[in-house]
């Protein structure tokens, strides 16, 4: 049994690295690398998210967040791998925020990594609520409040 369980974990780790990581990179990391202004472009990206994600993701939510909720407390290997993917997403947001500071889109005093980690958490929470409610009204409310928050990091 122990070897079978280990084999199952290794297969699940491979799925995480070979399926879920590339999916999340294509949805978040790659588009963020092409942005200049997170304050205007992230809300636009969120509004169009349903057109860019697979139908299964619209119905069942973010596979990374689902695994985080179910497996991170059960298995250190999952926790490390899931954390690394979330951190890569946050780092791509932080890099965007840093670039946008240089262009005058974001205040210089903003802690880019802290804002990025907050945004990942907020976006994942919004996706989780949408998964539960399947309500476009709920999604719209979340997106609008992320936009309000992002406007607060603009220079005055």
C-alpha atoms as a PDB file:
ATOM      1  CA  UNK A   1       0.000   0.000   0.000  1.00  0.00           C
ATOM      2  CA  UNK A   2       2.765   2.451   0.902  1.00  0.00           C
ATOM      3  CA  UNK A   3       4.391   2.141  -2.528  1.00  0.00           C
ATOM      4  CA  UNK A   4       1.010   2.575  -4.228  1.00  0.00           C
ATOM      5  CA  UNK A   5       0.350   5.751  -2.201  1.00  0.00           C
ATOM      6  CA  UNK A   6       3.800   7.078  -3.071  1.00  0.00           C
ATOM      7  CA  UNK A   7       3.227   6.381  -6.758  1.00  0.00           C
ATOM      8  CA  UNK A   8      -0.114   8.223  -6.523  1.00  0.00           C
ATOM      9  CA  UNK A   9       1.589  11.243  -4.964  1.00  0.00           C
ATOM     10  CA  UNK A  10       4.281  11.299  -7.626  1.00  0.00           C
ATOM     11  CA  UNK A  11       1.619  11.144 -10.338  1.00  0.00           C
ATOM     12  CA  UNK A  12      -0.305  13.972  -8.674  1.00  0.00           C
ATOM     13  CA  UNK A  13       2.897  16.030  -8.333  1.00  0.00           C
ATOM     14  CA  UNK A  14       3.553  15.484 -12.050  1.00  0.00           C
ATOM     15  CA  UNK A  15       0.015  16.628 -12.901  1.00  0.00           C
ATOM     16  CA  UNK A  16       0.547  19.731 -10.786  1.00  0.00           C
ATOM     17  CA  UNK A  17       3.851  20.549 -12.501  1.00  0.00           C
ATOM     18  CA  UNK A  18       2.975  19.457 -16.043  1.00  0.00           C
ATOM     19  CA  UNK A  19      -0.687  20.456 -16.295  1.00  0.00           C
ATOM     20  CA  UNK A  20      -1.677  23.014 -13.681  1.00  0.00           C
ATOM     21  CA  UNK A  21       1.517  25.118 -13.589  1.00  0.00           C
ATOM     22  CA  UNK A  22       1.536  25.713 -17.378  1.00  0.00           C
ATOM     23  CA  UNK A  23      -2.209  26.476 -17.347  1.00  0.00           C
ATOM     24  CA  UNK A  24      -1.800  29.114 -14.634  1.00  0.00           C
ATOM     25  CA  UNK A  25       1.269  30.547 -16.340  1.00  0.00           C
ATOM     26  CA  UNK A  26      -0.699  30.948 -19.576  1.00  0.00           C
ATOM     27  CA  UNK A  27      -3.637  32.577 -17.786  1.00  0.00           C
ATOM     28  CA  UNK A  28      -1.690  34.872 -15.427  1.00  0.00           C
ATOM     29  CA  UNK A  29       2.089  35.027 -15.742  1.00  0.00           C
ATOM     30  CA  UNK A  30       2.427  35.439 -19.502  1.00  0.00           C
ATOM     31  CA  UNK A  31      -0.245  38.176 -19.846  1.00  0.00           C
ATOM     32  CA  UNK A  32       1.143  40.057 -16.831  1.00  0.00           C
ATOM     33  CA  UNK A  33       4.581  40.125 -18.449  1.00  0.00           C
ATOM     34  CA  UNK A  34       3.060  41.980 -21.402  1.00  0.00           C
ATOM     35  CA  UNK A  35       1.309  44.677 -19.343  1.00  0.00           C
ATOM     36  CA  UNK A  36       2.465  48.189 -18.522  1.00  0.00           C
ATOM     37  CA  UNK A  37      -0.266  49.530 -16.231  1.00  0.00           C
ATOM     38  CA  UNK A  38      -1.744  47.140 -13.656  1.00  0.00           C
ATOM     39  CA  UNK A  39      -4.281  49.706 -12.466  1.00  0.00           C
ATOM     40  CA  UNK A  40      -6.116  49.723 -15.786  1.00  0.00           C
ATOM     41  CA  UNK A  41      -5.042  46.427 -17.357  1.00  0.00           C
ATOM     42  CA  UNK A  42      -5.665  43.965 -14.503  1.00  0.00           C
ATOM     43  CA  UNK A  43      -9.367  44.879 -14.164  1.00  0.00           C
ATOM     44  CA  UNK A  44      -9.705  44.555 -17.932  1.00  0.00           C
ATOM     45  CA  UNK A  45      -8.003  41.164 -17.747  1.00  0.00           C
ATOM     46  CA  UNK A  46     -10.362  40.026 -14.970  1.00  0.00           C
ATOM     47  CA  UNK A  47     -13.449  41.119 -16.891  1.00  0.00           C
ATOM     48  CA  UNK A  48     -12.341  38.985 -19.849  1.00  0.00           C
ATOM     49  CA  UNK A  49     -11.146  36.030 -17.786  1.00  0.00           C
ATOM     50  CA  UNK A  50     -14.096  33.769 -18.603  1.00  0.00           C
ATOM     51  CA  UNK A  51     -13.153  33.920 -22.280  1.00  0.00           C
ATOM     52  CA  UNK A  52      -9.547  32.893 -21.564  1.00  0.00           C
ATOM     53  CA  UNK A  53     -10.022  29.958 -19.201  1.00  0.00           C
ATOM     54  CA  UNK A  54     -11.175  26.426 -19.998  1.00  0.00           C
ATOM     55  CA  UNK A  55     -14.885  25.705 -19.438  1.00  0.00           C
ATOM     56  CA  UNK A  56     -14.002  23.255 -16.652  1.00  0.00           C
ATOM     57  CA  UNK A  57     -12.247  26.038 -14.780  1.00  0.00           C
ATOM     58  CA  UNK A  58     -15.324  28.253 -15.007  1.00  0.00           C
ATOM     59  CA  UNK A  59     -17.405  25.453 -13.525  1.00  0.00           C
ATOM     60  CA  UNK A  60     -15.009  23.906 -10.992  1.00  0.00           C
ATOM     61  CA  UNK A  61     -12.812  26.864 -10.095  1.00  0.00           C
ATOM     62  CA  UNK A  62      -9.067  27.243 -10.094  1.00  0.00           C
ATOM     63  CA  UNK A  63      -7.392  23.827  -9.947  1.00  0.00           C
ATOM     64  CA  UNK A  64      -4.452  25.254  -8.001  1.00  0.00           C
ATOM     65  CA  UNK A  65      -6.699  26.787  -5.365  1.00  0.00           C
ATOM     66  CA  UNK A  66      -8.751  23.580  -5.191  1.00  0.00           C
ATOM     67  CA  UNK A  67      -5.580  21.593  -4.526  1.00  0.00           C
ATOM     68  CA  UNK A  68      -4.380  24.162  -2.018  1.00  0.00           C
ATOM     69  CA  UNK A  69      -7.606  23.859  -0.053  1.00  0.00           C
ATOM     70  CA  UNK A  70      -7.658  20.068  -0.155  1.00  0.00           C
ATOM     71  CA  UNK A  71      -4.036  18.951  -0.132  1.00  0.00           C
ATOM     72  CA  UNK A  72      -1.677  21.611   1.246  1.00  0.00           C
ATOM     73  CA  UNK A  73      -2.367  20.674   4.851  1.00  0.00           C
ATOM     74  CA  UNK A  74      -2.147  16.956   4.056  1.00  0.00           C
ATOM     75  CA  UNK A  75       1.131  16.703   2.190  1.00  0.00           C
ATOM     76  CA  UNK A  76       4.320  18.776   2.425  1.00  0.00           C
ATOM     77  CA  UNK A  77       5.205  18.028  -1.187  1.00  0.00           C
ATOM     78  CA  UNK A  78       1.930  19.499  -2.400  1.00  0.00           C
ATOM     79  CA  UNK A  79       2.268  22.472  -0.063  1.00  0.00           C
ATOM     80  CA  UNK A  80       5.745  23.285  -1.392  1.00  0.00           C
ATOM     81  CA  UNK A  81       4.755  22.905  -5.039  1.00  0.00           C
ATOM     82  CA  UNK A  82       1.496  24.843  -4.662  1.00  0.00           C
ATOM     83  CA  UNK A  83       3.266  27.610  -2.745  1.00  0.00           C
ATOM     84  CA  UNK A  84       5.905  27.867  -5.471  1.00  0.00           C
ATOM     85  CA  UNK A  85       3.244  28.313  -8.168  1.00  0.00           C
ATOM     86  CA  UNK A  86       1.368  30.935  -6.148  1.00  0.00           C
ATOM     87  CA  UNK A  87       4.668  32.705  -5.441  1.00  0.00           C
ATOM     88  CA  UNK A  88       5.611  32.709  -9.147  1.00  0.00           C
ATOM     89  CA  UNK A  89       2.243  34.321  -9.916  1.00  0.00           C
ATOM     90  CA  UNK A  90       2.763  36.879  -7.144  1.00  0.00           C
ATOM     91  CA  UNK A  91       6.291  37.579  -8.387  1.00  0.00           C
ATOM     92  CA  UNK A  92       4.988  38.219 -11.903  1.00  0.00           C
ATOM     93  CA  UNK A  93       2.528  40.728 -10.429  1.00  0.00           C
ATOM     94  CA  UNK A  94       5.277  42.318  -8.324  1.00  0.00           C
ATOM     95  CA  UNK A  95       7.479  42.623 -11.417  1.00  0.00           C
ATOM     96  CA  UNK A  96       4.628  44.354 -13.252  1.00  0.00           C
ATOM     97  CA  UNK A  97       4.088  46.739 -10.352  1.00  0.00           C
ATOM     98  CA  UNK A  98       7.805  47.553 -10.236  1.00  0.00           C
ATOM     99  CA  UNK A  99       7.827  48.243 -13.995  1.00  0.00           C
ATOM    100  CA  UNK A 100       4.749  50.392 -13.657  1.00  0.00           C
ATOM    101  CA  UNK A 101       6.341  52.456 -10.876  1.00  0.00           C
ATOM    102  CA  UNK A 102       9.101  53.418 -13.299  1.00  0.00           C
ATOM    103  CA  UNK A 103       6.469  54.538 -15.807  1.00  0.00           C
ATOM    104  CA  UNK A 104       4.522  56.557 -13.237  1.00  0.00           C
ATOM    105  CA  UNK A 105       1.429  54.308 -13.099  1.00  0.00           C
ATOM    106  CA  UNK A 106       1.951  53.255  -9.443  1.00  0.00           C
ATOM    107  CA  UNK A 107       3.192  55.219  -6.417  1.00  0.00           C
ATOM    108  CA  UNK A 108       6.841  54.721  -5.472  1.00  0.00           C
ATOM    109  CA  UNK A 109       5.992  53.873  -1.850  1.00  0.00           C
ATOM    110  CA  UNK A 110       3.909  50.804  -2.779  1.00  0.00           C
ATOM    111  CA  UNK A 111       5.366  47.486  -1.572  1.00  0.00           C
ATOM    112  CA  UNK A 112       5.102  45.584  -4.840  1.00  0.00           C
ATOM    113  CA  UNK A 113       5.382  42.075  -3.445  1.00  0.00           C
ATOM    114  CA  UNK A 114       2.898  42.676  -0.631  1.00  0.00           C
ATOM    115  CA  UNK A 115       0.375  44.142  -3.078  1.00  0.00           C
ATOM    116  CA  UNK A 116       0.985  41.232  -5.443  1.00  0.00           C
ATOM    117  CA  UNK A 117       0.389  38.639  -2.733  1.00  0.00           C
ATOM    118  CA  UNK A 118      -2.804  40.431  -1.708  1.00  0.00           C
ATOM    119  CA  UNK A 119      -4.012  40.489  -5.321  1.00  0.00           C
ATOM    120  CA  UNK A 120      -3.394  36.753  -5.756  1.00  0.00           C
ATOM    121  CA  UNK A 121      -5.367  36.074  -2.576  1.00  0.00           C
ATOM    122  CA  UNK A 122      -8.185  38.427  -3.613  1.00  0.00           C
ATOM    123  CA  UNK A 123      -8.416  36.995  -7.125  1.00  0.00           C
ATOM    124  CA  UNK A 124      -8.400  33.411  -5.859  1.00  0.00           C
ATOM    125  CA  UNK A 125     -11.080  34.302  -3.312  1.00  0.00           C
ATOM    126  CA  UNK A 126     -13.198  35.835  -6.053  1.00  0.00           C
ATOM    127  CA  UNK A 127     -12.752  32.730  -8.204  1.00  0.00           C
ATOM    128  CA  UNK A 128     -13.762  30.548  -5.251  1.00  0.00           C
ATOM    129  CA  UNK A 129     -16.908  32.603  -4.658  1.00  0.00           C
ATOM    130  CA  UNK A 130     -17.780  32.418  -8.340  1.00  0.00           C
ATOM    131  CA  UNK A 131     -17.284  28.640  -8.268  1.00  0.00           C
ATOM    132  CA  UNK A 132     -19.726  28.414  -5.363  1.00  0.00           C
ATOM    133  CA  UNK A 133     -22.358  30.870  -6.587  1.00  0.00           C
ATOM    134  CA  UNK A 134     -21.919  30.668 -10.390  1.00  0.00           C
ATOM    135  CA  UNK A 135     -23.056  34.284 -10.210  1.00  0.00           C
ATOM    136  CA  UNK A 136     -21.779  36.812 -12.706  1.00  0.00           C
ATOM    137  CA  UNK A 137     -23.052  39.466 -10.303  1.00  0.00           C
ATOM    138  CA  UNK A 138     -20.709  38.094  -7.613  1.00  0.00           C
ATOM    139  CA  UNK A 139     -17.806  38.041 -10.075  1.00  0.00           C
ATOM    140  CA  UNK A 140     -18.575  41.600 -11.160  1.00  0.00           C
ATOM    141  CA  UNK A 141     -18.630  42.780  -7.548  1.00  0.00           C
ATOM    142  CA  UNK A 142     -15.245  41.208  -6.878  1.00  0.00           C
ATOM    143  CA  UNK A 143     -13.711  42.642 -10.027  1.00  0.00           C
ATOM    144  CA  UNK A 144     -15.049  46.107  -9.322  1.00  0.00           C
ATOM    145  CA  UNK A 145     -13.571  46.130  -5.810  1.00  0.00           C
ATOM    146  CA  UNK A 146     -10.179  44.915  -7.021  1.00  0.00           C
ATOM    147  CA  UNK A 147     -10.314  47.827  -9.449  1.00  0.00           C
ATOM    148  CA  UNK A 148     -11.136  50.236  -6.601  1.00  0.00           C
ATOM    149  CA  UNK A 149      -8.168  48.895  -4.658  1.00  0.00           C
ATOM    150  CA  UNK A 150      -5.822  49.182  -7.636  1.00  0.00           C
ATOM    151  CA  UNK A 151      -6.810  52.820  -8.177  1.00  0.00           C
ATOM    152  CA  UNK A 152      -5.652  53.469  -4.595  1.00  0.00           C
ATOM    153  CA  UNK A 153      -2.042  52.675  -5.560  1.00  0.00           C
ATOM    154  CA  UNK A 154      -1.990  55.262  -8.371  1.00  0.00           C
ATOM    155  CA  UNK A 155       0.052  58.406  -7.814  1.00  0.00           C
ATOM    156  CA  UNK A 156      -2.098  61.368  -6.770  1.00  0.00           C
END
